[in-house]
Every structure is written in C-alpha cells, then in structure tokens.
Amino acid sequence: MNSLRAGLALDVPSEVRFGATVTGAPHFFYGTRTHAMHEAFGVRSDDGVALQVVDNVALAPRVPVAPGDRVVVQGELVPSGSRGPLVHWTHHDPRGRHADGFIDWNGRVYA
C-alpha cells in the first residue's frame, strides 16, 4: 500500500490509502465501461493533492459526503486521468480479482 505522494511518483496505477477533505459535492454518472452508476467527488489530500474519488455505487453504498467533510480513502490511484489524478476501486471486488478499497466517512466504512 502506498501513500498518495508515493503513488503519484510511480506514475502508474497503484494501491493507495490517504486522508482528505471533501472539496466538491458528489455528482453521479453512468460508467461507459462498467455500465453501472458511479459517484464522484473532489478531495484535497492531507498533503495537498487535489483529485477525484470515483465510487461504483452499484457495488457499494453511496457515501453522503459534503464539502468540508473528512474521509479516509483506499483504492487504486490513476495518476494521470483525463481530468487529473483520480482514485477508483473504492469498494469490494465481487469477483475477488482486485484489491478491495473503501471510503471511511464519519467512522462508517463504505465498501
């Protein structure tokens, strides 16, 4: 498991865990590759990195975050997404082929 800064330095997808503050209200979209509903929201990590968290809400419950909330995120970092870095796979893998992730919000773990 990498820190966010270490994952960014690798410049390839890697598993990360980090604390952050939510910077934007969640928005929802239908994934073109997964054909599932997703939730995405902006965060600023504790070490100052701005990125998006993308969660498949067909596999994990929606996280009712709001700007200013604190979260801990574990998932797969994609350091150079089309809109900047993002973290996805913030849920369990029902097929057991990918490392499980989570979003911890207010002491509740969403996975």
Protein backbone atom coordinates (compact mmCIF):
# COMPACT_ATOMS: atom_id res chain seq x y z
CA MET A 1 0.00 0.00 0.00
CA ASN A 2 1.42 3.38 -1.00
CA SER A 3 0.90 6.88 0.31
CA LEU A 4 -0.72 9.20 -2.23
CA ARG A 5 2.56 11.05 -2.94
CA ALA A 6 4.43 7.74 -3.43
CA GLY A 7 1.69 6.53 -5.80
CA LEU A 8 1.87 9.74 -7.83
CA ALA A 9 5.65 9.39 -8.09
CA LEU A 10 5.25 5.90 -9.57
CA ASP A 11 3.16 7.42 -12.42
CA VAL A 12 1.36 4.08 -12.94
CA PRO A 13 -1.83 2.81 -11.28
CA SER A 14 -1.15 1.71 -7.70
CA GLU A 15 -2.98 0.97 -4.47
CA VAL A 16 -3.08 3.93 -2.06
CA ARG A 17 -4.58 4.96 1.27
CA PHE A 18 -4.84 8.60 2.38
CA GLY A 19 -6.80 11.11 4.44
CA ALA A 20 -8.52 14.02 2.72
CA THR A 21 -11.07 16.79 2.93
CA VAL A 22 -14.02 16.75 0.52
CA THR A 23 -13.92 19.81 -1.78
CA GLY A 24 -16.94 19.25 -4.00
CA ALA A 25 -20.46 17.87 -3.75
CA PRO A 26 -20.89 14.39 -5.22
CA HIS A 27 -22.18 14.01 -8.75
CA PHE A 28 -23.43 10.81 -10.35
CA PHE A 29 -22.81 9.31 -13.76
CA TYR A 30 -23.29 6.08 -15.65
CA GLY A 31 -19.98 4.31 -16.34
CA THR A 32 -19.47 3.60 -20.01
CA ARG A 33 -17.11 0.66 -19.34
CA THR A 34 -18.84 -0.81 -16.30
CA HIS A 35 -22.44 0.04 -17.22
CA ALA A 36 -23.03 0.94 -13.57
CA MET A 37 -23.90 4.09 -11.64
CA HIS A 38 -20.92 5.88 -10.08
CA GLU A 39 -20.49 8.65 -7.53
CA ALA A 40 -17.60 11.10 -7.90
CA PHE A 41 -16.45 13.94 -5.67
CA GLY A 42 -13.39 16.13 -5.34
CA VAL A 43 -10.99 15.93 -2.40
CA ARG A 44 -7.77 17.56 -1.25
CA SER A 45 -5.46 15.07 0.42
CA ASP A 46 -3.79 15.87 3.73
CA ASP A 47 -0.57 16.53 1.79
CA GLY A 48 -2.26 19.00 -0.57
CA VAL A 49 -3.05 16.92 -3.68
CA ALA A 50 -6.36 17.71 -5.43
CA LEU A 51 -8.03 14.69 -7.05
CA GLN A 52 -11.32 12.94 -7.73
CA VAL A 53 -12.69 9.94 -5.85
CA VAL A 54 -14.86 7.70 -8.04
CA ASP A 55 -17.00 5.02 -6.38
CA ASN A 56 -19.15 2.37 -8.07
CA VAL A 57 -22.45 2.70 -6.18
CA ALA A 58 -23.77 -0.48 -7.78
CA LEU A 59 -21.19 -2.33 -5.64
CA ALA A 60 -21.02 -0.13 -2.53
CA PRO A 61 -23.45 2.22 -0.81
CA ARG A 62 -23.44 5.87 -1.77
CA VAL A 63 -21.32 7.97 0.62
CA PRO A 64 -23.32 11.05 1.70
CA VAL A 65 -20.34 13.40 1.80
CA ALA A 66 -20.46 17.19 1.62
CA PRO A 67 -17.71 19.78 1.11
CA GLY A 68 -15.62 20.12 4.25
CA ASP A 69 -16.15 16.52 5.40
CA ARG A 70 -13.14 14.39 6.31
CA VAL A 71 -12.63 10.99 4.65
CA VAL A 72 -10.06 8.23 4.51
CA VAL A 73 -9.85 6.61 1.07
CA GLN A 74 -8.30 3.36 -0.04
CA GLY A 75 -8.35 2.38 -3.70
CA GLU A 76 -6.46 2.40 -6.96
CA LEU A 77 -4.78 5.66 -7.91
CA VAL A 78 -4.75 6.58 -11.59
CA PRO A 79 -2.17 9.38 -11.53
CA SER A 80 -2.85 10.83 -14.98
CA GLY A 81 -6.57 10.63 -15.68
CA SER A 82 -8.06 12.87 -18.37
CA ARG A 83 -9.09 15.38 -15.65
CA GLY A 84 -6.11 14.84 -13.35
CA PRO A 85 -5.46 12.14 -10.78
CA LEU A 86 -8.31 10.00 -9.53
CA VAL A 87 -8.84 7.10 -7.16
CA HIS A 88 -11.29 4.34 -8.03
CA TRP A 89 -11.86 0.73 -6.84
CA THR A 90 -13.01 2.24 -3.54
CA HIS A 91 -15.26 -0.79 -2.96
CA HIS A 92 -15.04 -4.56 -2.72
CA ASP A 93 -14.42 -6.68 -5.81
CA PRO A 94 -17.23 -9.24 -6.03
CA ARG A 95 -15.03 -11.44 -8.24
CA GLY A 96 -12.06 -11.30 -5.86
CA ARG A 97 -9.55 -10.34 -8.56
CA HIS A 98 -8.75 -6.82 -7.42
CA ALA A 99 -7.66 -5.39 -4.07
CA ASP A 100 -10.66 -4.17 -2.09
CA GLY A 101 -10.94 -0.48 -1.30
CA PHE A 102 -13.13 1.66 0.92
CA ILE A 103 -14.19 5.16 1.90
CA ASP A 104 -14.33 5.86 5.64
CA TRP A 105 -16.66 8.78 6.42
CA ASN A 106 -17.66 9.77 9.96
CA GLY A 107 -16.42 6.42 11.30
CA ARG A 108 -18.50 4.35 8.89
CA VAL A 109 -16.72 2.29 6.25
CA TYR A 110 -18.34 2.21 2.81
CA ALA A 111 -17.03 -0.72 0.77
